[in-house]
Structures are given as C-alpha cells and as structure tokens.
C-alpha atoms as a PDB file:
ATOM      1  CA  UNK A   1      31.860 -69.710 -15.290  1.00  0.00           C
ATOM      2  CA  UNK A   2      31.217 -72.472 -12.805  1.00  0.00           C
ATOM      3  CA  UNK A   3      28.675 -72.159  -9.908  1.00  0.00           C
ATOM      4  CA  UNK A   4      30.173 -72.375  -6.381  1.00  0.00           C
ATOM      5  CA  UNK A   5      28.836 -74.711  -3.707  1.00  0.00           C
ATOM      6  CA  UNK A   6      26.653 -71.968  -2.163  1.00  0.00           C
ATOM      7  CA  UNK A   7      25.214 -70.847  -5.533  1.00  0.00           C
ATOM      8  CA  UNK A   8      24.365 -74.738  -6.472  1.00  0.00           C
ATOM      9  CA  UNK A   9      22.482 -74.939  -3.121  1.00  0.00           C
ATOM     10  CA  UNK A  10      20.688 -71.759  -3.323  1.00  0.00           C
ATOM     11  CA  UNK A  11      19.461 -72.648  -7.028  1.00  0.00           C
ATOM     12  CA  UNK A  12      18.389 -76.091  -5.974  1.00  0.00           C
ATOM     13  CA  UNK A  13      16.451 -74.683  -2.844  1.00  0.00           C
ATOM     14  CA  UNK A  14      14.610 -72.158  -4.917  1.00  0.00           C
ATOM     15  CA  UNK A  15      13.698 -74.744  -7.489  1.00  0.00           C
ATOM     16  CA  UNK A  16      12.624 -77.338  -5.066  1.00  0.00           C
ATOM     17  CA  UNK A  17      10.438 -74.723  -3.262  1.00  0.00           C
ATOM     18  CA  UNK A  18       8.839 -73.783  -6.458  1.00  0.00           C
ATOM     19  CA  UNK A  19       8.680 -77.296  -8.135  1.00  0.00           C
ATOM     20  CA  UNK A  20       5.088 -78.416  -8.519  1.00  0.00           C
ATOM     21  CA  UNK A  21       3.769 -75.335  -6.919  1.00  0.00           C
ATOM     22  CA  UNK A  22       4.577 -72.268  -8.952  1.00  0.00           C
ATOM     23  CA  UNK A  23       5.637 -71.495 -12.416  1.00  0.00           C
ATOM     24  CA  UNK A  24       9.406 -70.799 -12.974  1.00  0.00           C
ATOM     25  CA  UNK A  25      10.934 -68.966 -15.937  1.00  0.00           C
ATOM     26  CA  UNK A  26      14.474 -69.658 -16.845  1.00  0.00           C
ATOM     27  CA  UNK A  27      16.517 -68.212 -19.721  1.00  0.00           C
ATOM     28  CA  UNK A  28      19.924 -69.054 -20.784  1.00  0.00           C
ATOM     29  CA  UNK A  29      22.198 -68.695 -23.802  1.00  0.00           C
ATOM     30  CA  UNK A  30      23.983 -71.784 -22.636  1.00  0.00           C
ATOM     31  CA  UNK A  31      22.586 -74.981 -24.232  1.00  0.00           C
ATOM     32  CA  UNK A  32      21.002 -77.495 -21.622  1.00  0.00           C
ATOM     33  CA  UNK A  33      23.763 -80.104 -22.592  1.00  0.00           C
ATOM     34  CA  UNK A  34      26.340 -77.768 -21.114  1.00  0.00           C
ATOM     35  CA  UNK A  35      24.535 -76.981 -17.954  1.00  0.00           C
ATOM     36  CA  UNK A  36      26.205 -79.913 -16.032  1.00  0.00           C
ATOM     37  CA  UNK A  37      29.667 -78.456 -16.497  1.00  0.00           C
ATOM     38  CA  UNK A  38      28.465 -75.023 -15.291  1.00  0.00           C
ATOM     39  CA  UNK A  39      26.572 -76.397 -12.235  1.00  0.00           C
ATOM     40  CA  UNK A  40      29.795 -78.388 -11.271  1.00  0.00           C
ATOM     41  CA  UNK A  41      28.426 -81.004  -9.057  1.00  0.00           C
ATOM     42  CA  UNK A  42      27.045 -83.889 -11.112  1.00  0.00           C
ATOM     43  CA  UNK A  43      24.484 -84.929  -8.395  1.00  0.00           C
ATOM     44  CA  UNK A  44      23.071 -81.392  -7.786  1.00  0.00           C
ATOM     45  CA  UNK A  45      23.144 -80.680 -11.469  1.00  0.00           C
ATOM     46  CA  UNK A  46      20.932 -83.780 -12.141  1.00  0.00           C
ATOM     47  CA  UNK A  47      18.528 -82.388  -9.431  1.00  0.00           C
ATOM     48  CA  UNK A  48      18.324 -78.953 -10.824  1.00  0.00           C
ATOM     49  CA  UNK A  49      17.853 -80.126 -14.479  1.00  0.00           C
ATOM     50  CA  UNK A  50      15.285 -82.614 -13.288  1.00  0.00           C
ATOM     51  CA  UNK A  51      13.249 -79.694 -11.878  1.00  0.00           C
ATOM     52  CA  UNK A  52      13.789 -77.212 -14.734  1.00  0.00           C
ATOM     53  CA  UNK A  53      13.597 -79.658 -17.897  1.00  0.00           C
ATOM     54  CA  UNK A  54      10.861 -82.248 -16.934  1.00  0.00           C
ATOM     55  CA  UNK A  55       7.418 -80.777 -17.802  1.00  0.00           C
ATOM     56  CA  UNK A  56       9.023 -77.662 -19.246  1.00  0.00           C
ATOM     57  CA  UNK A  57       8.128 -75.737 -22.450  1.00  0.00           C
ATOM     58  CA  UNK A  58      11.312 -75.197 -24.298  1.00  0.00           C
ATOM     59  CA  UNK A  59      11.601 -72.288 -26.777  1.00  0.00           C
ATOM     60  CA  UNK A  60      14.807 -72.100 -28.830  1.00  0.00           C
ATOM     61  CA  UNK A  61      15.171 -68.836 -30.500  1.00  0.00           C
ATOM     62  CA  UNK A  62      16.809 -68.443 -33.950  1.00  0.00           C
ATOM     63  CA  UNK A  63      18.049 -65.616 -36.128  1.00  0.00           C
ATOM     64  CA  UNK A  64      20.195 -62.806 -35.731  1.00  0.00           C
ATOM     65  CA  UNK A  65      21.031 -61.167 -32.502  1.00  0.00           C
ATOM     66  CA  UNK A  66      18.766 -58.147 -31.699  1.00  0.00           C
ATOM     67  CA  UNK A  67      21.792 -56.422 -30.448  1.00  0.00           C
ATOM     68  CA  UNK A  68      23.345 -56.750 -33.924  1.00  0.00           C
ATOM     69  CA  UNK A  69      20.171 -55.645 -35.678  1.00  0.00           C
ATOM     70  CA  UNK A  70      19.843 -52.642 -33.421  1.00  0.00           C
ATOM     71  CA  UNK A  71      23.526 -51.738 -34.004  1.00  0.00           C
ATOM     72  CA  UNK A  72      22.889 -51.761 -37.832  1.00  0.00           C
ATOM     73  CA  UNK A  73      20.080 -49.508 -37.335  1.00  0.00           C
ATOM     74  CA  UNK A  74      21.907 -46.939 -35.033  1.00  0.00           C
ATOM     75  CA  UNK A  75      25.271 -47.329 -36.677  1.00  0.00           C
ATOM     76  CA  UNK A  76      26.903 -48.246 -33.095  1.00  0.00           C
ATOM     77  CA  UNK A  77      28.652 -51.349 -31.997  1.00  0.00           C
ATOM     78  CA  UNK A  78      26.854 -53.724 -29.833  1.00  0.00           C
ATOM     79  CA  UNK A  79      27.817 -53.629 -26.157  1.00  0.00           C
ATOM     80  CA  UNK A  80      29.183 -56.697 -24.398  1.00  0.00           C
END
C-alpha cells in the first residue's frame, strides 16, 4: 500500500507539529528501509523519516508472533 498525496501531507503535518515539542510513538511491521516506497514521494519521505528516525529509540522485536503463540494455546487459527 502506498500513501496518497493527502495522507503524506497529513502525516508530515502531524509530525512537524510534534517534532521537538511532544513525544510520538510509531509502530510498524514494515522495516524502515522500505518506508520510502510506501510514502511514495521521495522528498516527503525524507522529511517524514527525518522527524521520526533521528533522536528516536528503536526497538526491534524478535521471536514468534504472539498471534501464533495464542493460536497454539487455544487451538484456533490466527486471524488476518
């Protein structure tokens, strides 16, 4: 999925308003090196990532998916 022009501008506006003033928590299953392709516009992607990645604490989770672990306990298939 690629962000459309309105989504890109909205995301940048929110991040710009918060940058340096407020904490922002972002979660993603998409690796950072793939965000440019999803954002779509290289200039806006650079601006968005600049505000998110610099001075950020990055936590990379490892291990089996909790959905898979829960499914093993309950005997049900994980929902998509």
